Protein backbone atom coordinates (compact mmCIF):
# COMPACT_ATOMS: atom_id res chain seq x y z
CA MET A 1 57.19 86.53 213.29
CA PRO A 2 53.68 86.83 211.49
CA ARG A 3 52.97 87.08 207.89
CA ASP A 4 51.76 90.17 206.27
CA ARG A 5 49.20 88.36 203.54
CA LYS A 6 50.24 91.47 201.01
CA ALA A 7 53.30 89.66 201.16
CA SER A 8 52.06 85.49 200.03
CA GLY A 9 52.53 84.79 196.64
CA TRP A 10 55.24 86.41 194.67
CA SER A 11 54.37 89.50 195.74
CA GLY A 12 56.65 88.56 198.88
CA LEU A 13 59.12 88.58 196.47
CA GLU A 14 59.11 91.70 195.52
CA PRO A 15 62.35 93.73 197.32
CA ASN A 16 60.77 96.33 199.87
CA ARG A 17 59.96 99.40 198.44
CA ARG A 18 59.88 101.40 201.48
CA LYS A 19 61.68 105.15 200.89
CA ALA A 20 64.58 105.73 203.24
CA PRO A 21 65.55 104.30 205.98
CA PRO A 22 65.18 105.90 209.29
CA HIS A 23 68.16 108.46 210.75
CA GLU A 24 68.11 105.33 213.52
CA LEU A 25 68.73 103.03 211.83
CA ALA A 26 71.63 104.77 209.57
CA GLU A 27 73.39 106.26 211.93
CA ALA A 28 73.38 103.02 214.18
CA PHE A 29 75.40 101.47 210.82
CA ALA A 30 77.72 104.19 210.86
CA SER A 31 78.53 104.17 214.12
CA CYS A 32 79.26 100.07 213.46
CA PHE A 33 81.47 100.50 210.46
CA THR A 34 83.34 103.36 210.63
CA GLY A 35 85.14 102.48 214.47
CA PRO A 36 88.77 100.84 213.57
CA ALA A 37 86.70 97.29 213.92
CA GLY A 38 83.81 98.23 211.02
CA VAL A 39 86.27 99.47 208.85
CA LEU A 40 88.26 96.20 209.38
CA VAL A 41 84.92 94.09 208.30
CA LEU A 42 83.42 96.43 205.67
CA ASP A 43 86.75 96.33 204.08
CA TYR A 44 87.04 92.86 204.02
CA LEU A 45 83.63 92.35 202.70
CA ARG A 46 84.01 94.79 199.76
CA ARG A 47 87.35 92.65 198.89
CA THR A 48 85.15 89.21 199.27
CA PHE A 49 81.71 90.47 197.88
CA LEU A 50 82.31 93.74 196.14
CA THR A 51 85.46 92.79 193.80
CA ARG A 52 84.58 89.29 193.32
CA ARG A 53 85.05 87.85 188.93
CA VAL A 54 83.00 84.81 188.16
CA PRO A 55 84.26 82.46 185.24
CA PRO A 56 82.47 83.41 182.14
CA THR A 57 81.53 79.84 182.20
CA ALA A 58 79.35 80.57 186.00
CA GLY A 59 75.73 79.68 185.74
CA ASP A 60 73.06 81.64 185.75
CA ALA A 61 72.66 80.40 190.32
CA VAL A 62 75.94 81.61 190.36
CA LEU A 63 75.57 84.65 189.36
CA ARG A 64 72.47 85.68 191.15
CA HIS A 65 73.92 84.44 194.19
CA VAL A 66 76.77 86.74 193.89
CA GLU A 67 74.88 89.32 192.49
CA GLY A 68 72.99 89.40 195.84
CA GLN A 69 75.74 89.02 197.86
CA ARG A 70 76.90 92.40 196.46
CA SER A 71 73.43 94.11 196.89
CA VAL A 72 73.81 93.21 200.57
CA VAL A 73 77.32 94.96 200.68
CA ALA A 74 76.72 97.70 198.48
CA HIS A 75 73.16 98.56 201.00
CA ILE A 76 75.57 98.20 204.29
CA GLN A 77 77.46 101.05 202.12
CA SER A 78 74.75 103.10 201.45
CA LEU A 79 73.46 103.12 204.74
CA VAL A 80 76.86 103.71 206.35
CA GLU A 81 76.90 106.47 204.09
CA GLN A 82 73.94 107.46 204.94
CA GLY A 83 74.60 108.15 208.41
CA LEU A 84 77.47 110.11 208.22
CA ILE A 85 75.40 112.50 206.32
CA VAL A 86 72.71 112.48 209.31
CA ARG A 87 75.74 112.84 211.47
CA ARG A 88 77.25 115.54 210.14
CA SER A 89 74.00 117.77 209.33
């Protein structure tokens, strides 16, 4: 995959600032995660990553890792919700 010259250096670590994802992508996430298997998987992801607690003694690296996991699961949930809205309209 070719690298974008603008994304090199520290700027390459910045989050993607695109607007809302295309409707097709949100609908695809809704299709994947609203059936019986998808509901089971999404529930597992929520239980495993969103409700995970770390001890007060957890180091910075652990906290960052856990926050990254939570961010991914929250993003998936957001896309599923957007896809459901697109389906209704």
